[in-house]
Amino acid sequence: MEWLRRFMTGRYGSDQLSLALLILSFLLMFIARIARFPILVFISYIPLIICVFRMLSRNISKRSAENYRFMLTANSFYSWIRQKREHIKNSKTRRYFKCPNCAASLWVPKGKGKITITCPKCKTQFKRRT
């Protein structure tokens, strides 16, 4: 294993983007096998080749910048998923609205009838039925 350690010295290695590319490649291969679509097998090799290229690259600053941009996008997607999951979990007791002025997400208790909602960010008031 010493030869592998010497070989990888000065190379970028794995990160979150490489892992995502690897998962995408395996997912495409799996879909290609189920759908019996041979072109998709060849397409699935593209993310795999990019993943290996990134792991063996010596341009560490460029690979770090790529991973940083990916993580910005991924984190916004993950936060959107968490927000939707929370909305579903609390859907029996809460009603969610968007402020018409600043588009902030607001929640009020369900079953209160028609009420005036005040946005805590911009102090805009609007009426909605809960």
N, C-alpha and C. Protein backbone atom coordinates (compact mmCIF):
# COMPACT_ATOMS: atom_id res chain seq x y z
N MET A 1 0.81 -1.19 0.00
CA MET A 1 0.00 0.00 0.00
C MET A 1 0.86 1.27 0.00
N GLU A 2 2.13 1.12 0.25
CA GLU A 2 3.02 2.27 0.24
C GLU A 2 3.10 2.88 -1.16
N TRP A 3 3.05 2.05 -2.19
CA TRP A 3 3.11 2.57 -3.56
C TRP A 3 1.89 3.42 -3.86
N LEU A 4 0.72 3.04 -3.32
CA LEU A 4 -0.50 3.83 -3.54
C LEU A 4 -0.40 5.17 -2.81
N ARG A 5 0.15 5.17 -1.61
CA ARG A 5 0.34 6.41 -0.85
C ARG A 5 1.27 7.35 -1.60
N ARG A 6 2.37 6.80 -2.14
CA ARG A 6 3.30 7.64 -2.91
C ARG A 6 2.65 8.15 -4.19
N PHE A 7 1.84 7.30 -4.84
CA PHE A 7 1.18 7.70 -6.08
C PHE A 7 0.18 8.84 -5.83
N MET A 8 -0.55 8.78 -4.72
CA MET A 8 -1.58 9.78 -4.44
C MET A 8 -1.03 11.05 -3.79
N THR A 9 0.22 11.08 -3.45
CA THR A 9 0.81 12.28 -2.86
C THR A 9 0.76 13.43 -3.88
N GLY A 10 0.18 14.55 -3.46
CA GLY A 10 0.07 15.72 -4.33
C GLY A 10 -1.15 15.69 -5.22
N ARG A 11 -1.99 14.66 -5.10
CA ARG A 11 -3.21 14.57 -5.90
C ARG A 11 -4.40 14.97 -5.04
N TYR A 12 -5.51 15.28 -5.70
CA TYR A 12 -6.65 15.86 -4.99
C TYR A 12 -7.37 14.85 -4.10
N GLY A 13 -7.67 13.66 -4.60
CA GLY A 13 -8.41 12.68 -3.80
C GLY A 13 -9.90 12.84 -3.97
N SER A 14 -10.65 12.30 -3.03
CA SER A 14 -12.11 12.33 -3.16
C SER A 14 -12.71 13.47 -2.35
N ASP A 15 -13.90 13.88 -2.77
CA ASP A 15 -14.67 14.90 -2.07
C ASP A 15 -16.16 14.64 -2.36
N GLN A 16 -17.01 15.57 -1.96
CA GLN A 16 -18.44 15.38 -2.12
C GLN A 16 -18.86 15.34 -3.58
N LEU A 17 -18.27 16.16 -4.42
CA LEU A 17 -18.61 16.16 -5.84
C LEU A 17 -18.21 14.84 -6.50
N SER A 18 -17.05 14.32 -6.16
CA SER A 18 -16.62 13.03 -6.70
C SER A 18 -17.57 11.92 -6.28
N LEU A 19 -18.00 11.95 -5.03
CA LEU A 19 -18.95 10.96 -4.55
C LEU A 19 -20.28 11.08 -5.28
N ALA A 20 -20.75 12.30 -5.51
CA ALA A 20 -22.00 12.51 -6.24
C ALA A 20 -21.88 12.00 -7.68
N LEU A 21 -20.74 12.25 -8.32
CA LEU A 21 -20.53 11.75 -9.68
C LEU A 21 -20.50 10.22 -9.71
N LEU A 22 -19.89 9.62 -8.71
CA LEU A 22 -19.83 8.16 -8.63
C LEU A 22 -21.22 7.57 -8.44
N ILE A 23 -22.02 8.18 -7.57
CA ILE A 23 -23.39 7.71 -7.35
C ILE A 23 -24.22 7.89 -8.61
N LEU A 24 -24.06 9.02 -9.29
CA LEU A 24 -24.78 9.25 -10.55
C LEU A 24 -24.42 8.19 -11.59
N SER A 25 -23.15 7.86 -11.67
CA SER A 25 -22.71 6.86 -12.63
C SER A 25 -23.34 5.49 -12.34
N PHE A 26 -23.33 5.08 -11.07
CA PHE A 26 -23.93 3.79 -10.72
C PHE A 26 -25.45 3.80 -10.90
N LEU A 27 -26.08 4.94 -10.63
CA LEU A 27 -27.51 5.05 -10.83
C LEU A 27 -27.87 4.92 -12.31
N LEU A 28 -27.10 5.59 -13.17
CA LEU A 28 -27.34 5.47 -14.61
C LEU A 28 -27.10 4.05 -15.11
N MET A 29 -26.06 3.37 -14.57
CA MET A 29 -25.83 1.98 -14.95
C MET A 29 -26.99 1.09 -14.53
N PHE A 30 -27.50 1.32 -13.33
CA PHE A 30 -28.62 0.53 -12.83
C PHE A 30 -29.85 0.73 -13.70
N ILE A 31 -30.15 1.98 -14.03
CA ILE A 31 -31.31 2.27 -14.88
C ILE A 31 -31.12 1.67 -16.26
N ALA A 32 -29.90 1.71 -16.78
CA ALA A 32 -29.62 1.13 -18.11
C ALA A 32 -29.84 -0.37 -18.11
N ARG A 33 -29.47 -1.03 -17.02
CA ARG A 33 -29.68 -2.48 -16.94
C ARG A 33 -31.17 -2.82 -16.87
N ILE A 34 -31.92 -2.06 -16.09
CA ILE A 34 -33.35 -2.34 -15.94
C ILE A 34 -34.10 -2.03 -17.23
N ALA A 35 -33.79 -0.88 -17.84
CA ALA A 35 -34.50 -0.44 -19.05
C ALA A 35 -33.96 -1.11 -20.31
N ARG A 36 -32.85 -1.83 -20.18
CA ARG A 36 -32.21 -2.49 -21.33
C ARG A 36 -31.93 -1.45 -22.43
N PHE A 37 -31.28 -0.39 -22.01
CA PHE A 37 -30.95 0.73 -22.90
C PHE A 37 -29.43 0.83 -22.96
N PRO A 38 -28.78 0.17 -23.95
CA PRO A 38 -27.31 0.07 -23.94
C PRO A 38 -26.58 1.41 -24.11
N ILE A 39 -27.18 2.38 -24.76
CA ILE A 39 -26.54 3.69 -24.91
C ILE A 39 -26.34 4.34 -23.54
N LEU A 40 -27.29 4.12 -22.64
CA LEU A 40 -27.21 4.70 -21.31
C LEU A 40 -26.02 4.15 -20.52
N VAL A 41 -25.61 2.93 -20.81
CA VAL A 41 -24.42 2.36 -20.16
C VAL A 41 -23.19 3.18 -20.53
N PHE A 42 -23.06 3.51 -21.80
CA PHE A 42 -21.92 4.32 -22.23
C PHE A 42 -21.99 5.74 -21.66
N ILE A 43 -23.20 6.29 -21.56
CA ILE A 43 -23.37 7.61 -20.97
C ILE A 43 -23.00 7.58 -19.49
N SER A 44 -23.27 6.46 -18.82
CA SER A 44 -22.96 6.35 -17.39
C SER A 44 -21.46 6.35 -17.12
N TYR A 45 -20.66 6.07 -18.14
CA TYR A 45 -19.20 6.10 -17.95
C TYR A 45 -18.66 7.54 -17.87
N ILE A 46 -19.39 8.50 -18.41
CA ILE A 46 -18.92 9.89 -18.41
C ILE A 46 -18.73 10.43 -16.99
N PRO A 47 -19.75 10.34 -16.09
CA PRO A 47 -19.49 10.82 -14.72
C PRO A 47 -18.40 10.03 -14.01
N LEU A 48 -18.28 8.74 -14.33
CA LEU A 48 -17.24 7.91 -13.71
C LEU A 48 -15.84 8.37 -14.13
N ILE A 49 -15.68 8.69 -15.41
CA ILE A 49 -14.38 9.17 -15.90
C ILE A 49 -14.05 10.53 -15.29
N ILE A 50 -15.06 11.41 -15.20
CA ILE A 50 -14.84 12.72 -14.57
C ILE A 50 -14.46 12.55 -13.11
N CYS A 51 -15.10 11.62 -12.43
CA CYS A 51 -14.80 11.35 -11.02
C CYS A 51 -13.35 10.90 -10.84
N VAL A 52 -12.91 9.96 -11.66
CA VAL A 52 -11.53 9.47 -11.57
C VAL A 52 -10.55 10.59 -11.93
N PHE A 53 -10.86 11.37 -12.95
CA PHE A 53 -10.00 12.49 -13.32
C PHE A 53 -9.84 13.47 -12.16
N ARG A 54 -10.96 13.79 -11.50
CA ARG A 54 -10.90 14.74 -10.37
C ARG A 54 -10.07 14.17 -9.23
N MET A 55 -10.21 12.88 -8.96
CA MET A 55 -9.47 12.27 -7.85
C MET A 55 -7.97 12.22 -8.11
N LEU A 56 -7.58 12.07 -9.35
CA LEU A 56 -6.16 11.95 -9.68
C LEU A 56 -5.54 13.29 -10.09
N SER A 57 -6.33 14.34 -10.10
CA SER A 57 -5.83 15.64 -10.53
C SER A 57 -4.82 16.22 -9.55
N ARG A 58 -3.86 16.95 -10.08
CA ARG A 58 -2.87 17.65 -9.24
C ARG A 58 -3.22 19.12 -9.07
N ASN A 59 -4.23 19.60 -9.78
CA ASN A 59 -4.67 20.98 -9.68
C ASN A 59 -5.67 21.09 -8.52
N ILE A 60 -5.16 21.13 -7.32
CA ILE A 60 -5.98 21.06 -6.12
C ILE A 60 -6.86 22.29 -5.96
N SER A 61 -6.34 23.46 -6.27
CA SER A 61 -7.14 24.67 -6.09
C SER A 61 -8.37 24.69 -7.00
N LYS A 62 -8.22 24.23 -8.24
CA LYS A 62 -9.34 24.21 -9.17
C LYS A 62 -10.38 23.17 -8.74
N ARG A 63 -9.94 21.99 -8.29
CA ARG A 63 -10.87 20.97 -7.82
C ARG A 63 -11.59 21.42 -6.56
N SER A 64 -10.91 22.15 -5.69
CA SER A 64 -11.55 22.68 -4.47
C SER A 64 -12.61 23.70 -4.83
N ALA A 65 -12.33 24.55 -5.81
CA ALA A 65 -13.31 25.55 -6.25
C ALA A 65 -14.54 24.87 -6.87
N GLU A 66 -14.33 23.81 -7.64
CA GLU A 66 -15.44 23.07 -8.22
C GLU A 66 -16.30 22.46 -7.13
N ASN A 67 -15.66 21.86 -6.12
CA ASN A 67 -16.40 21.25 -5.02
C ASN A 67 -17.15 22.31 -4.23
N TYR A 68 -16.55 23.49 -4.04
CA TYR A 68 -17.20 24.57 -3.31
C TYR A 68 -18.48 25.00 -4.02
N ARG A 69 -18.42 25.18 -5.35
CA ARG A 69 -19.61 25.56 -6.12
C ARG A 69 -20.68 24.48 -6.04
N PHE A 70 -20.25 23.21 -6.11
CA PHE A 70 -21.20 22.11 -6.00
C PHE A 70 -21.88 22.11 -4.64
N MET A 71 -21.11 22.33 -3.58
CA MET A 71 -21.67 22.31 -2.23
C MET A 71 -22.64 23.47 -2.01
N LEU A 72 -22.39 24.63 -2.61
CA LEU A 72 -23.34 25.73 -2.52
C LEU A 72 -24.69 25.33 -3.12
N THR A 73 -24.64 24.69 -4.27
CA THR A 73 -25.86 24.25 -4.93
C THR A 73 -26.53 23.13 -4.14
N ALA A 74 -25.74 22.17 -3.69
CA ALA A 74 -26.28 21.03 -2.97
C ALA A 74 -26.89 21.47 -1.64
N ASN A 75 -26.25 22.39 -0.93
CA ASN A 75 -26.79 22.83 0.34
C ASN A 75 -28.11 23.57 0.17
N SER A 76 -28.25 24.37 -0.88
CA SER A 76 -29.52 25.04 -1.11
C SER A 76 -30.61 24.01 -1.43
N PHE A 77 -30.26 22.97 -2.19
CA PHE A 77 -31.21 21.91 -2.49
C PHE A 77 -31.59 21.14 -1.22
N TYR A 78 -30.61 20.80 -0.38
CA TYR A 78 -30.88 20.08 0.85
C TYR A 78 -31.74 20.90 1.80
N SER A 79 -31.50 22.20 1.89
CA SER A 79 -32.32 23.03 2.77
C SER A 79 -33.75 23.12 2.24
N TRP A 80 -33.93 23.15 0.93
CA TRP A 80 -35.27 23.16 0.34
C TRP A 80 -36.00 21.86 0.69
N ILE A 81 -35.29 20.73 0.59
CA ILE A 81 -35.87 19.41 0.94
C ILE A 81 -36.25 19.38 2.41
N ARG A 82 -35.37 19.87 3.29
CA ARG A 82 -35.67 19.89 4.73
C ARG A 82 -36.89 20.75 5.02
N GLN A 83 -37.01 21.90 4.34
CA GLN A 83 -38.15 22.78 4.54
C GLN A 83 -39.44 22.10 4.11
N LYS A 84 -39.44 21.44 2.97
CA LYS A 84 -40.64 20.76 2.49
C LYS A 84 -41.01 19.61 3.42
N ARG A 85 -40.01 18.89 3.92
CA ARG A 85 -40.26 17.78 4.85
C ARG A 85 -40.90 18.31 6.14
N GLU A 86 -40.42 19.45 6.63
CA GLU A 86 -40.99 20.05 7.83
C GLU A 86 -42.41 20.53 7.59
N HIS A 87 -42.67 21.10 6.41
CA HIS A 87 -44.03 21.53 6.08
C HIS A 87 -44.98 20.35 6.06
N ILE A 88 -44.55 19.23 5.52
CA ILE A 88 -45.40 18.04 5.47
C ILE A 88 -45.63 17.50 6.87
N LYS A 89 -44.58 17.49 7.69
CA LYS A 89 -44.68 16.97 9.05
C LYS A 89 -45.65 17.80 9.89
N ASN A 90 -45.64 19.11 9.70
CA ASN A 90 -46.49 20.00 10.49
C ASN A 90 -47.78 20.40 9.79
N SER A 91 -48.14 19.72 8.71
CA SER A 91 -49.29 20.14 7.92
C SER A 91 -50.63 19.96 8.66
N LYS A 92 -50.68 19.14 9.69
CA LYS A 92 -51.93 18.95 10.42
C LYS A 92 -52.20 20.08 11.40
N THR A 93 -51.16 20.76 11.85
CA THR A 93 -51.34 21.79 12.87
C THR A 93 -51.03 23.20 12.37
N ARG A 94 -50.36 23.32 11.25
CA ARG A 94 -49.95 24.63 10.75
C ARG A 94 -50.40 24.84 9.31
N ARG A 95 -50.57 26.12 8.95
CA ARG A 95 -50.83 26.49 7.57
C ARG A 95 -49.73 27.46 7.16
N TYR A 96 -49.15 27.24 6.01
CA TYR A 96 -48.02 28.05 5.54
C TYR A 96 -48.45 29.02 4.47
N PHE A 97 -47.93 30.26 4.56
CA PHE A 97 -48.20 31.31 3.58
C PHE A 97 -46.90 31.99 3.21
N LYS A 98 -46.91 32.65 2.05
CA LYS A 98 -45.78 33.49 1.64
C LYS A 98 -46.22 34.94 1.77
N CYS A 99 -45.33 35.75 2.30
CA CYS A 99 -45.61 37.18 2.42
C CYS A 99 -45.70 37.77 1.01
N PRO A 100 -46.75 38.55 0.70
CA PRO A 100 -46.87 39.12 -0.64
C PRO A 100 -45.83 40.20 -0.93
N ASN A 101 -45.21 40.74 0.10
CA ASN A 101 -44.24 41.81 -0.09
C ASN A 101 -42.81 41.28 -0.23
N CYS A 102 -42.38 40.45 0.72
CA CYS A 102 -40.97 40.00 0.73
C CYS A 102 -40.81 38.51 0.44
N ALA A 103 -41.90 37.78 0.24
CA ALA A 103 -41.91 36.35 -0.08
C ALA A 103 -41.33 35.48 1.03
N ALA A 104 -41.35 35.96 2.26
CA ALA A 104 -40.91 35.15 3.39
C ALA A 104 -41.94 34.07 3.67
N SER A 105 -41.49 32.92 4.12
CA SER A 105 -42.39 31.82 4.45
C SER A 105 -42.87 32.01 5.89
N LEU A 106 -44.19 32.04 6.05
CA LEU A 106 -44.80 32.25 7.36
C LEU A 106 -45.74 31.10 7.68
N TRP A 107 -45.90 30.78 8.96
CA TRP A 107 -46.86 29.77 9.33
C TRP A 107 -47.77 30.31 10.42
N VAL A 108 -49.03 29.84 10.39
CA VAL A 108 -50.02 30.19 11.41
C VAL A 108 -50.73 28.91 11.81
N PRO A 109 -51.31 28.87 13.01
CA PRO A 109 -52.04 27.66 13.42
C PRO A 109 -53.27 27.44 12.55
N LYS A 110 -53.59 26.19 12.31
CA LYS A 110 -54.77 25.86 11.50
C LYS A 110 -56.05 26.03 12.31
N GLY A 111 -57.14 26.28 11.61
CA GLY A 111 -58.45 26.30 12.23
C GLY A 111 -58.81 27.57 12.97
N LYS A 112 -58.19 28.69 12.68
CA LYS A 112 -58.48 29.95 13.36
C LYS A 112 -59.43 30.84 12.57
N GLY A 113 -59.87 30.38 11.40
CA GLY A 113 -60.76 31.19 10.57
C GLY A 113 -59.97 32.21 9.77
N LYS A 114 -60.63 33.33 9.44
CA LYS A 114 -59.97 34.39 8.67
C LYS A 114 -59.24 35.30 9.65
N ILE A 115 -57.91 35.42 9.47
CA ILE A 115 -57.10 36.21 10.39
C ILE A 115 -56.20 37.16 9.62
N THR A 116 -55.72 38.18 10.32
CA THR A 116 -54.75 39.10 9.76
C THR A 116 -53.37 38.63 10.16
N ILE A 117 -52.51 38.41 9.17
CA ILE A 117 -51.15 37.91 9.40
C ILE A 117 -50.19 39.08 9.20
N THR A 118 -49.26 39.25 10.14
CA THR A 118 -48.24 40.29 10.04
C THR A 118 -46.89 39.62 9.81
N CYS A 119 -46.23 40.00 8.74
CA CYS A 119 -44.92 39.44 8.42
C CYS A 119 -43.90 40.00 9.42
N PRO A 120 -43.11 39.14 10.08
CA PRO A 120 -42.13 39.65 11.05
C PRO A 120 -40.94 40.35 10.39
N LYS A 121 -40.71 40.09 9.12
CA LYS A 121 -39.57 40.72 8.44
C LYS A 121 -39.88 42.13 7.96
N CYS A 122 -40.98 42.27 7.21
CA CYS A 122 -41.27 43.56 6.59
C CYS A 122 -42.49 44.26 7.19
N LYS A 123 -43.16 43.62 8.16
CA LYS A 123 -44.33 44.18 8.87
C LYS A 123 -45.54 44.40 7.97
N THR A 124 -45.59 43.72 6.83
CA THR A 124 -46.75 43.80 5.95
C THR A 124 -47.88 42.97 6.55
N GLN A 125 -49.10 43.50 6.51
CA GLN A 125 -50.26 42.77 7.01
C GLN A 125 -51.12 42.33 5.84
N PHE A 126 -51.61 41.09 5.93
CA PHE A 126 -52.52 40.57 4.91
C PHE A 126 -53.46 39.58 5.56
N LYS A 127 -54.64 39.40 4.97
CA LYS A 127 -55.67 38.52 5.54
C LYS A 127 -55.71 37.22 4.76
N ARG A 128 -55.81 36.13 5.52
CA ARG A 128 -55.94 34.80 4.92
C ARG A 128 -56.83 33.93 5.80
N ARG A 129 -57.42 32.93 5.20
CA ARG A 129 -58.23 31.95 5.91
C ARG A 129 -57.34 30.76 6.27
N THR A 130 -57.38 30.37 7.54
CA THR A 130 -56.55 29.24 7.97
C THR A 130 -57.36 28.00 7.91
